[in-house]
Amino acid sequence: MLKITIIDGPTEQRLVLEGRLTEPGLSELKSAWEEAHRARGTRKCLVDLRNATFIDQCGARILAEMKQQGAQFIACGVSTTHQLEQLGIKCKRCFPKSRP
């Protein structure tokens, strides 16, 4: 299951993707991306994959399309960051908060 949350800010639009990027959720992701892309204007787009648990080949293709349209990515986890790197997507990595 894929949960998609769009957060609109004054300078950026963030798409938070949680769960599995697989069918049937990918058609919903594509629709949400197209709608968000039209509404974004000049704001940058950040795709947050910190809580993505699995990305199949179809999901990877959609992420590659998003990159071509200017999206930037945040990811955690070895598997997700490696998969993005294989697509030629450089992402901001999240790091755990340091302990006091």
PDB file of N, CA and C in Angstrom:
ATOM      1  N   MET A   1       0.839  -1.181   0.000  1.00  0.00           N
ATOM      2  CA  MET A   1       0.000   0.000   0.000  1.00  0.00           C
ATOM      3  C   MET A   1       0.881   1.240   0.000  1.00  0.00           C
ATOM      4  N   LEU A   2       0.459   2.269  -0.717  1.00  0.00           N
ATOM      5  CA  LEU A   2       1.208   3.512  -0.842  1.00  0.00           C
ATOM      6  C   LEU A   2       0.366   4.658  -0.307  1.00  0.00           C
ATOM      7  N   LYS A   3       0.969   5.435   0.571  1.00  0.00           N
ATOM      8  CA  LYS A   3       0.315   6.634   1.084  1.00  0.00           C
ATOM      9  C   LYS A   3       1.052   7.834   0.501  1.00  0.00           C
ATOM     10  N   ILE A   4       0.293   8.766  -0.069  1.00  0.00           N
ATOM     11  CA  ILE A   4       0.854   9.961  -0.697  1.00  0.00           C
ATOM     12  C   ILE A   4       0.310  11.184   0.033  1.00  0.00           C
ATOM     13  N   THR A   5       1.222  12.025   0.515  1.00  0.00           N
ATOM     14  CA  THR A   5       0.832  13.264   1.167  1.00  0.00           C
ATOM     15  C   THR A   5       1.541  14.401   0.450  1.00  0.00           C
ATOM     16  N   ILE A   6       0.791  15.431   0.082  1.00  0.00           N
ATOM     17  CA  ILE A   6       1.374  16.606  -0.565  1.00  0.00           C
ATOM     18  C   ILE A   6       1.324  17.757   0.434  1.00  0.00           C
ATOM     19  N   ILE A   7       2.496  18.337   0.681  1.00  0.00           N
ATOM     20  CA  ILE A   7       2.608  19.457   1.609  1.00  0.00           C
ATOM     21  C   ILE A   7       3.054  20.671   0.805  1.00  0.00           C
ATOM     22  N   ASP A   8       2.199  21.682   0.754  1.00  0.00           N
ATOM     23  CA  ASP A   8       2.511  22.905   0.008  1.00  0.00           C
ATOM     24  C   ASP A   8       3.074  23.950   0.944  1.00  0.00           C
ATOM     25  N   GLY A   9       4.253  24.445   0.625  1.00  0.00           N
ATOM     26  CA  GLY A   9       4.882  25.530   1.370  1.00  0.00           C
ATOM     27  C   GLY A   9       5.118  26.705   0.434  1.00  0.00           C
ATOM     28  N   PRO A  10       5.574  27.822   0.984  1.00  0.00           N
ATOM     29  CA  PRO A  10       5.766  29.003   0.141  1.00  0.00           C
ATOM     30  C   PRO A  10       6.877  28.853  -0.896  1.00  0.00           C
ATOM     31  N   THR A  11       7.919  28.068  -0.593  1.00  0.00           N
ATOM     32  CA  THR A  11       9.046  27.937  -1.517  1.00  0.00           C
ATOM     33  C   THR A  11       9.220  26.537  -2.078  1.00  0.00           C
ATOM     34  N   GLU A  12       8.510  25.568  -1.512  1.00  0.00           N
ATOM     35  CA  GLU A  12       8.641  24.201  -2.009  1.00  0.00           C
ATOM     36  C   GLU A  12       7.335  23.439  -1.858  1.00  0.00           C
ATOM     37  N   GLN A  13       7.236  22.421  -2.660  1.00  0.00           N
ATOM     38  CA  GLN A  13       6.131  21.480  -2.569  1.00  0.00           C
ATOM     39  C   GLN A  13       6.758  20.120  -2.269  1.00  0.00           C
ATOM     40  N   ARG A  14       6.263  19.470  -1.240  1.00  0.00           N
ATOM     41  CA  ARG A  14       6.845  18.197  -0.819  1.00  0.00           C
ATOM     42  C   ARG A  14       5.828  17.080  -1.020  1.00  0.00           C
ATOM     43  N   LEU A  15       6.278  16.023  -1.695  1.00  0.00           N
ATOM     44  CA  LEU A  15       5.471  14.816  -1.841  1.00  0.00           C
ATOM     45  C   LEU A  15       6.081  13.782  -0.912  1.00  0.00           C
ATOM     46  N   VAL A  16       5.323  13.373   0.087  1.00  0.00           N
ATOM     47  CA  VAL A  16       5.789  12.374   1.039  1.00  0.00           C
ATOM     48  C   VAL A  16       5.189  11.037   0.614  1.00  0.00           C
ATOM     49  N   LEU A  17       6.073  10.082   0.300  1.00  0.00           N
ATOM     50  CA  LEU A  17       5.633   8.763  -0.156  1.00  0.00           C
ATOM     51  C   LEU A  17       5.986   7.747   0.915  1.00  0.00           C
ATOM     52  N   GLU A  18       4.960   7.038   1.399  1.00  0.00           N
ATOM     53  CA  GLU A  18       5.151   6.057   2.468  1.00  0.00           C
ATOM     54  C   GLU A  18       4.617   4.707   2.023  1.00  0.00           C
ATOM     55  N   GLY A  19       5.413   3.670   2.262  1.00  0.00           N
ATOM     56  CA  GLY A  19       4.981   2.326   1.913  1.00  0.00           C
ATOM     57  C   GLY A  19       5.637   1.831   0.644  1.00  0.00           C
ATOM     58  N   ARG A  20       4.895   1.008  -0.093  1.00  0.00           N
ATOM     59  CA  ARG A  20       5.428   0.323  -1.281  1.00  0.00           C
ATOM     60  C   ARG A  20       5.067   1.069  -2.564  1.00  0.00           C
ATOM     61  N   LEU A  21       6.078   1.363  -3.372  1.00  0.00           N
ATOM     62  CA  LEU A  21       5.851   1.989  -4.669  1.00  0.00           C
ATOM     63  C   LEU A  21       5.691   0.876  -5.694  1.00  0.00           C
ATOM     64  N   THR A  22       4.506   0.280  -5.714  1.00  0.00           N
ATOM     65  CA  THR A  22       4.153  -0.819  -6.608  1.00  0.00           C
ATOM     66  C   THR A  22       2.720  -0.595  -7.085  1.00  0.00           C
ATOM     67  N   GLU A  23       2.310  -1.356  -8.096  1.00  0.00           N
ATOM     68  CA  GLU A  23       0.910  -1.297  -8.516  1.00  0.00           C
ATOM     69  C   GLU A  23       0.045  -1.863  -7.395  1.00  0.00           C
ATOM     70  N   PRO A  24      -1.149  -1.397  -7.181  1.00  0.00           N
ATOM     71  CA  PRO A  24      -1.906  -0.421  -7.948  1.00  0.00           C
ATOM     72  C   PRO A  24      -1.676   1.027  -7.525  1.00  0.00           C
ATOM     73  N   GLY A  25      -0.859   1.280  -6.515  1.00  0.00           N
ATOM     74  CA  GLY A  25      -0.643   2.646  -6.032  1.00  0.00           C
ATOM     75  C   GLY A  25       0.078   3.557  -6.995  1.00  0.00           C
ATOM     76  N   LEU A  26       0.741   2.996  -8.000  1.00  0.00           N
ATOM     77  CA  LEU A  26       1.521   3.831  -8.907  1.00  0.00           C
ATOM     78  C   LEU A  26       0.660   4.693  -9.814  1.00  0.00           C
ATOM     79  N   SER A  27      -0.510   4.221 -10.169  1.00  0.00           N
ATOM     80  CA  SER A  27      -1.393   5.056 -10.991  1.00  0.00           C
ATOM     81  C   SER A  27      -1.846   6.273 -10.176  1.00  0.00           C
ATOM     82  N   GLU A  28      -2.081   6.062  -8.893  1.00  0.00           N
ATOM     83  CA  GLU A  28      -2.437   7.175  -8.006  1.00  0.00           C
ATOM     84  C   GLU A  28      -1.257   8.139  -7.858  1.00  0.00           C
ATOM     85  N   LEU A  29      -0.043   7.587  -7.750  1.00  0.00           N
ATOM     86  CA  LEU A  29       1.149   8.431  -7.643  1.00  0.00           C
ATOM     87  C   LEU A  29       1.327   9.266  -8.905  1.00  0.00           C
ATOM     88  N   LYS A  30       1.159   8.655 -10.053  1.00  0.00           N
ATOM     89  CA  LYS A  30       1.316   9.385 -11.312  1.00  0.00           C
ATOM     90  C   LYS A  30       0.297  10.519 -11.405  1.00  0.00           C
ATOM     91  N   SER A  31      -0.934  10.251 -11.028  1.00  0.00           N
ATOM     92  CA  SER A  31      -1.972  11.292 -11.051  1.00  0.00           C
ATOM     93  C   SER A  31      -1.654  12.412 -10.066  1.00  0.00           C
ATOM     94  N   ALA A  32      -1.230  12.034  -8.859  1.00  0.00           N
ATOM     95  CA  ALA A  32      -0.887  13.038  -7.840  1.00  0.00           C
ATOM     96  C   ALA A  32       0.293  13.885  -8.304  1.00  0.00           C
ATOM     97  N   TRP A  33       1.286  13.246  -8.930  1.00  0.00           N
ATOM     98  CA  TRP A  33       2.447  13.974  -9.429  1.00  0.00           C
ATOM     99  C   TRP A  33       2.036  14.966 -10.509  1.00  0.00           C
ATOM    100  N   GLU A  34       1.228  14.545 -11.457  1.00  0.00           N
ATOM    101  CA  GLU A  34       0.812  15.426 -12.545  1.00  0.00           C
ATOM    102  C   GLU A  34       0.015  16.612 -12.012  1.00  0.00           C
ATOM    103  N   GLU A  35      -0.884  16.359 -11.073  1.00  0.00           N
ATOM    104  CA  GLU A  35      -1.678  17.436 -10.473  1.00  0.00           C
ATOM    105  C   GLU A  35      -0.783  18.394  -9.696  1.00  0.00           C
ATOM    106  N   ALA A  36       0.126  17.840  -8.894  1.00  0.00           N
ATOM    107  CA  ALA A  36       1.042  18.667  -8.098  1.00  0.00           C
ATOM    108  C   ALA A  36       1.959  19.475  -9.012  1.00  0.00           C
ATOM    109  N   HIS A  37       2.420  18.850 -10.090  1.00  0.00           N
ATOM    110  CA  HIS A  37       3.327  19.513 -11.032  1.00  0.00           C
ATOM    111  C   HIS A  37       2.653  20.737 -11.651  1.00  0.00           C
ATOM    112  N   ARG A  38       1.391  20.613 -11.989  1.00  0.00           N
ATOM    113  CA  ARG A  38       0.654  21.748 -12.571  1.00  0.00           C
ATOM    114  C   ARG A  38       0.472  22.871 -11.554  1.00  0.00           C
ATOM    115  N   ALA A  39       0.258  22.527 -10.281  1.00  0.00           N
ATOM    116  CA  ALA A  39      -0.020  23.521  -9.247  1.00  0.00           C
ATOM    117  C   ALA A  39       1.246  24.134  -8.636  1.00  0.00           C
ATOM    118  N   ARG A  40       2.410  23.544  -8.898  1.00  0.00           N
ATOM    119  CA  ARG A  40       3.647  23.938  -8.223  1.00  0.00           C
ATOM    120  C   ARG A  40       4.122  25.332  -8.595  1.00  0.00           C
ATOM    121  N   GLY A  41       3.987  25.723  -9.828  1.00  0.00           N
ATOM    122  CA  GLY A  41       4.494  27.025 -10.266  1.00  0.00           C
ATOM    123  C   GLY A  41       6.013  27.029 -10.234  1.00  0.00           C
ATOM    124  N   THR A  42       6.592  28.032  -9.591  1.00  0.00           N
ATOM    125  CA  THR A  42       8.050  28.160  -9.556  1.00  0.00           C
ATOM    126  C   THR A  42       8.686  27.516  -8.322  1.00  0.00           C
ATOM    127  N   ARG A  43       7.876  26.954  -7.453  1.00  0.00           N
ATOM    128  CA  ARG A  43       8.428  26.323  -6.253  1.00  0.00           C
ATOM    129  C   ARG A  43       9.176  25.049  -6.610  1.00  0.00           C
ATOM    130  N   LYS A  44      10.187  24.721  -5.815  1.00  0.00           N
ATOM    131  CA  LYS A  44      10.897  23.464  -6.056  1.00  0.00           C
ATOM    132  C   LYS A  44      10.068  22.308  -5.506  1.00  0.00           C
ATOM    133  N   CYS A  45      10.332  21.131  -6.034  1.00  0.00           N
ATOM    134  CA  CYS A  45       9.608  19.937  -5.605  1.00  0.00           C
ATOM    135  C   CYS A  45      10.576  18.988  -4.914  1.00  0.00           C
ATOM    136  N   LEU A  46      10.189  18.551  -3.743  1.00  0.00           N
ATOM    137  CA  LEU A  46      10.985  17.614  -2.976  1.00  0.00           C
ATOM    138  C   LEU A  46      10.159  16.347  -2.762  1.00  0.00           C
ATOM    139  N   VAL A  47      10.710  15.204  -3.161  1.00  0.00           N
ATOM    140  CA  VAL A  47      10.036  13.920  -2.986  1.00  0.00           C
ATOM    141  C   VAL A  47      10.689  13.224  -1.796  1.00  0.00           C
ATOM    142  N   ASP A  48       9.914  13.011  -0.762  1.00  0.00           N
ATOM    143  CA  ASP A  48      10.406  12.437   0.492  1.00  0.00           C
ATOM    144  C   ASP A  48      10.141  10.930   0.502  1.00  0.00           C
ATOM    145  N   LEU A  49      11.211  10.156   0.395  1.00  0.00           N
ATOM    146  CA  LEU A  49      11.111   8.691   0.364  1.00  0.00           C
ATOM    147  C   LEU A  49      11.621   8.062   1.664  1.00  0.00           C
ATOM    148  N   ARG A  50      11.698   8.835   2.735  1.00  0.00           N
ATOM    149  CA  ARG A  50      12.248   8.301   3.985  1.00  0.00           C
ATOM    150  C   ARG A  50      11.452   7.128   4.539  1.00  0.00           C
ATOM    151  N   ASN A  51      10.170   7.070   4.217  1.00  0.00           N
ATOM    152  CA  ASN A  51       9.343   5.975   4.725  1.00  0.00           C
ATOM    153  C   ASN A  51       8.870   5.043   3.611  1.00  0.00           C
ATOM    154  N   ALA A  52       9.558   5.071   2.476  1.00  0.00           N
ATOM    155  CA  ALA A  52       9.267   4.114   1.405  1.00  0.00           C
ATOM    156  C   ALA A  52       9.913   2.784   1.782  1.00  0.00           C
ATOM    157  N   THR A  53       9.167   1.718   1.642  1.00  0.00           N
ATOM    158  CA  THR A  53       9.683   0.413   2.056  1.00  0.00           C
ATOM    159  C   THR A  53      10.107  -0.470   0.894  1.00  0.00           C
ATOM    160  N   PHE A  54       9.607  -0.187  -0.316  1.00  0.00           N
ATOM    161  CA  PHE A  54       9.953  -1.004  -1.479  1.00  0.00           C
ATOM    162  C   PHE A  54       9.637  -0.214  -2.735  1.00  0.00           C
ATOM    163  N   ILE A  55      10.512  -0.312  -3.745  1.00  0.00           N
ATOM    164  CA  ILE A  55      10.287   0.350  -5.024  1.00  0.00           C
ATOM    165  C   ILE A  55      10.508  -0.684  -6.122  1.00  0.00           C
ATOM    166  N   ASP A  56       9.442  -0.996  -6.876  1.00  0.00           N
ATOM    167  CA  ASP A  56       9.626  -1.956  -7.972  1.00  0.00           C
ATOM    168  C   ASP A  56      10.064  -1.211  -9.236  1.00  0.00           C
ATOM    169  N   GLN A  57      10.214  -1.932 -10.349  1.00  0.00           N
ATOM    170  CA  GLN A  57      10.715  -1.322 -11.583  1.00  0.00           C
ATOM    171  C   GLN A  57       9.790  -0.232 -12.115  1.00  0.00           C
ATOM    172  N   CYS A  58       8.503  -0.445 -12.006  1.00  0.00           N
ATOM    173  CA  CYS A  58       7.548   0.574 -12.466  1.00  0.00           C
ATOM    174  C   CYS A  58       7.655   1.829 -11.598  1.00  0.00           C
ATOM    175  N   GLY A  59       7.797   1.636 -10.299  1.00  0.00           N
ATOM    176  CA  GLY A  59       7.984   2.756  -9.384  1.00  0.00           C
ATOM    177  C   GLY A  59       9.260   3.506  -9.688  1.00  0.00           C
ATOM    178  N   ALA A  60      10.318   2.769  -9.997  1.00  0.00           N
ATOM    179  CA  ALA A  60      11.599   3.391 -10.338  1.00  0.00           C
ATOM    180  C   ALA A  60      11.470   4.237 -11.600  1.00  0.00           C
ATOM    181  N   ARG A  61      10.708   3.760 -12.583  1.00  0.00           N
ATOM    182  CA  ARG A  61      10.507   4.533 -13.819  1.00  0.00           C
ATOM    183  C   ARG A  61       9.783   5.847 -13.536  1.00  0.00           C
ATOM    184  N   ILE A  62       8.783   5.796 -12.671  1.00  0.00           N
ATOM    185  CA  ILE A  62       8.056   7.020 -12.336  1.00  0.00           C
ATOM    186  C   ILE A  62       8.972   7.997 -11.609  1.00  0.00           C
ATOM    187  N   LEU A  63       9.805   7.497 -10.690  1.00  0.00           N
ATOM    188  CA  LEU A  63      10.746   8.374  -9.995  1.00  0.00           C
ATOM    189  C   LEU A  63      11.723   9.002 -10.981  1.00  0.00           C
ATOM    190  N   ALA A  64      12.165   8.244 -11.970  1.00  0.00           N
ATOM    191  CA  ALA A  64      13.076   8.774 -12.992  1.00  0.00           C
ATOM    192  C   ALA A  64      12.386   9.887 -13.791  1.00  0.00           C
ATOM    193  N   GLU A  65      11.109   9.700 -14.107  1.00  0.00           N
ATOM    194  CA  GLU A  65      10.347  10.741 -14.810  1.00  0.00           C
ATOM    195  C   GLU A  65      10.238  11.992 -13.948  1.00  0.00           C
ATOM    196  N   MET A  66       9.999  11.794 -12.654  1.00  0.00           N
ATOM    197  CA  MET A  66       9.893  12.919 -11.733  1.00  0.00           C
ATOM    198  C   MET A  66      11.211  13.693 -11.692  1.00  0.00           C
ATOM    199  N   LYS A  67      12.318  12.964 -11.689  1.00  0.00           N
ATOM    200  CA  LYS A  67      13.635  13.602 -11.695  1.00  0.00           C
ATOM    201  C   LYS A  67      13.807  14.438 -12.954  1.00  0.00           C
ATOM    202  N   GLN A  68      13.403  13.894 -14.099  1.00  0.00           N
ATOM    203  CA  GLN A  68      13.533  14.623 -15.356  1.00  0.00           C
ATOM    204  C   GLN A  68      12.708  15.909 -15.360  1.00  0.00           C
ATOM    205  N   GLN A  69      11.655  15.927 -14.548  1.00  0.00           N
ATOM    206  CA  GLN A  69      10.797  17.109 -14.472  1.00  0.00           C
ATOM    207  C   GLN A  69      11.198  18.017 -13.316  1.00  0.00           C
ATOM    208  N   GLY A  70      12.378  17.772 -12.733  1.00  0.00           N
ATOM    209  CA  GLY A  70      12.930  18.706 -11.754  1.00  0.00           C
ATOM    210  C   GLY A  70      12.798  18.331 -10.290  1.00  0.00           C
ATOM    211  N   ALA A  71      12.273  17.162  -9.977  1.00  0.00           N
ATOM    212  CA  ALA A  71      12.119  16.776  -8.572  1.00  0.00           C
ATOM    213  C   ALA A  71      13.479  16.515  -7.930  1.00  0.00           C
ATOM    214  N   GLN A  72      13.562  16.834  -6.640  1.00  0.00           N
ATOM    215  CA  GLN A  72      14.710  16.491  -5.809  1.00  0.00           C
ATOM    216  C   GLN A  72      14.219  15.459  -4.803  1.00  0.00           C
ATOM    217  N   PHE A  73      15.129  14.664  -4.250  1.00  0.00           N
ATOM    218  CA  PHE A  73      14.728  13.532  -3.422  1.00  0.00           C
ATOM    219  C   PHE A  73      15.437  13.523  -2.081  1.00  0.00           C
ATOM    220  N   ILE A  74      14.717  13.027  -1.069  1.00  0.00           N
ATOM    221  CA  ILE A  74      15.267  12.736   0.258  1.00  0.00           C
ATOM    222  C   ILE A  74      15.021  11.254   0.489  1.00  0.00           C
ATOM    223  N   ALA A  75      16.051  10.543   0.949  1.00  0.00           N
ATOM    224  CA  ALA A  75      15.879   9.111   1.196  1.00  0.00           C
ATOM    225  C   ALA A  75      16.733   8.665   2.366  1.00  0.00           C
ATOM    226  N   CYS A  76      16.299   7.598   2.988  1.00  0.00           N
ATOM    227  CA  CYS A  76      17.044   6.922   4.048  1.00  0.00           C
ATOM    228  C   CYS A  76      17.146   5.459   3.657  1.00  0.00           C
ATOM    229  N   GLY A  77      18.070   4.797   4.241  1.00  0.00           N
ATOM    230  CA  GLY A  77      18.176   3.363   4.021  1.00  0.00           C
ATOM    231  C   GLY A  77      19.062   3.033   2.842  1.00  0.00           C
ATOM    232  N   VAL A  78      19.824   2.003   2.994  1.00  0.00           N
ATOM    233  CA  VAL A  78      20.780   1.588   1.979  1.00  0.00           C
ATOM    234  C   VAL A  78      20.078   1.185   0.693  1.00  0.00           C
ATOM    235  N   SER A  79      19.040   0.401   0.784  1.00  0.00           N
ATOM    236  CA  SER A  79      18.363  -0.102  -0.406  1.00  0.00           C
ATOM    237  C   SER A  79      17.761   1.025  -1.231  1.00  0.00           C
ATOM    238  N   THR A  80      17.041   1.927  -0.588  1.00  0.00           N
ATOM    239  CA  THR A  80      16.383   3.018  -1.313  1.00  0.00           C
ATOM    240  C   THR A  80      17.412   3.950  -1.934  1.00  0.00           C
ATOM    241  N   THR A  81      18.427   4.349  -1.181  1.00  0.00           N
ATOM    242  CA  THR A  81      19.425   5.261  -1.736  1.00  0.00           C
ATOM    243  C   THR A  81      20.204   4.592  -2.871  1.00  0.00           C
ATOM    244  N   HIS A  82      20.505   3.307  -2.727  1.00  0.00           N
ATOM    245  CA  HIS A  82      21.211   2.590  -3.794  1.00  0.00           C
ATOM    246  C   HIS A  82      20.353   2.529  -5.056  1.00  0.00           C
ATOM    247  N   GLN A  83      19.078   2.237  -4.890  1.00  0.00           N
ATOM    248  CA  GLN A  83      18.185   2.159  -6.042  1.00  0.00           C
ATOM    249  C   GLN A  83      18.088   3.509  -6.747  1.00  0.00           C
ATOM    250  N   LEU A  84      18.024   4.587  -5.983  1.00  0.00           N
ATOM    251  CA  LEU A  84      17.976   5.915  -6.583  1.00  0.00           C
ATOM    252  C   LEU A  84      19.277   6.221  -7.321  1.00  0.00           C
ATOM    253  N   GLU A  85      20.392   5.852  -6.726  1.00  0.00           N
ATOM    254  CA  GLU A  85      21.687   6.072  -7.379  1.00  0.00           C
ATOM    255  C   GLU A  85      21.774   5.305  -8.694  1.00  0.00           C
ATOM    256  N   GLN A  86      21.197   4.107  -8.742  1.00  0.00           N
ATOM    257  CA  GLN A  86      21.197   3.321  -9.984  1.00  0.00           C
ATOM    258  C   GLN A  86      20.388   4.022 -11.079  1.00  0.00           C
ATOM    259  N   LEU A  87      19.436   4.852 -10.672  1.00  0.00           N
ATOM    260  CA  LEU A  87      18.627   5.613 -11.626  1.00  0.00           C
ATOM    261  C   LEU A  87      19.293   6.942 -11.989  1.00  0.00           C
ATOM    262  N   GLY A  88      20.444   7.208 -11.383  1.00  0.00           N
ATOM    263  CA  GLY A  88      21.123   8.483 -11.620  1.00  0.00           C
ATOM    264  C   GLY A  88      20.552   9.610 -10.803  1.00  0.00           C
ATOM    265  N   ILE A  89      19.847   9.264  -9.722  1.00  0.00           N
ATOM    266  CA  ILE A  89      19.232  10.271  -8.858  1.00  0.00           C
ATOM    267  C   ILE A  89      20.107  10.465  -7.624  1.00  0.00           C
ATOM    268  N   LYS A  90      20.612  11.670  -7.473  1.00  0.00           N
ATOM    269  CA  LYS A  90      21.346  11.994  -6.260  1.00  0.00           C
ATOM    270  C   LYS A  90      20.320  12.518  -5.271  1.00  0.00           C
ATOM    271  N   CYS A  91      20.401  12.051  -4.054  1.00  0.00           N
ATOM    272  CA  CYS A  91      19.400  12.466  -3.076  1.00  0.00           C
ATOM    273  C   CYS A  91      20.068  12.994  -1.829  1.00  0.00           C
ATOM    274  N   LYS A  92      19.294  13.785  -1.114  1.00  0.00           N
ATOM    275  CA  LYS A  92      19.718  14.231   0.205  1.00  0.00           C
ATOM    276  C   LYS A  92      19.450  13.045   1.127  1.00  0.00           C
ATOM    277  N   ARG A  93      20.430  12.691   1.887  1.00  0.00           N
ATOM    278  CA  ARG A  93      20.250  11.568   2.822  1.00  0.00           C
ATOM    279  C   ARG A  93      19.881  12.123   4.189  1.00  0.00           C
ATOM    280  N   CYS A  94      19.002  11.427   4.838  1.00  0.00           N
ATOM    281  CA  CYS A  94      18.657  11.838   6.192  1.00  0.00           C
ATOM    282  C   CYS A  94      19.567  11.076   7.154  1.00  0.00           C
ATOM    283  N   PHE A  95      19.906  11.733   8.194  1.00  0.00           N
ATOM    284  CA  PHE A  95      20.765  11.120   9.202  1.00  0.00           C
ATOM    285  C   PHE A  95      20.019  11.128  10.523  1.00  0.00           C
ATOM    286  N   PRO A  96      20.251  10.094  11.358  1.00  0.00           N
ATOM    287  CA  PRO A  96      19.601  10.092  12.658  1.00  0.00           C
ATOM    288  C   PRO A  96      20.082  11.264  13.486  1.00  0.00           C
ATOM    289  N   LYS A  97      19.205  11.726  14.334  1.00  0.00           N
ATOM    290  CA  LYS A  97      19.586  12.826  15.232  1.00  0.00           C
ATOM    291  C   LYS A  97      20.685  12.338  16.164  1.00  0.00           C
ATOM    292  N   SER A  98      21.641  13.218  16.404  1.00  0.00           N
ATOM    293  CA  SER A  98      22.726  12.820  17.309  1.00  0.00           C
ATOM    294  C   SER A  98      22.224  12.878  18.752  1.00  0.00           C
ATOM    295  N   ARG A  99      22.780  12.030  19.531  1.00  0.00           N
ATOM    296  CA  ARG A  99      22.398  11.984  20.938  1.00  0.00           C
ATOM    297  C   ARG A  99      23.147  13.055  21.714  1.00  0.00           C
ATOM    298  N   PRO A 100      22.519  13.606  22.758  1.00  0.00           N
ATOM    299  CA  PRO A 100      23.191  14.647  23.550  1.00  0.00           C
ATOM    300  C   PRO A 100      24.357  14.076  24.331  1.00  0.00           C
TER     301      PRO A 100
END
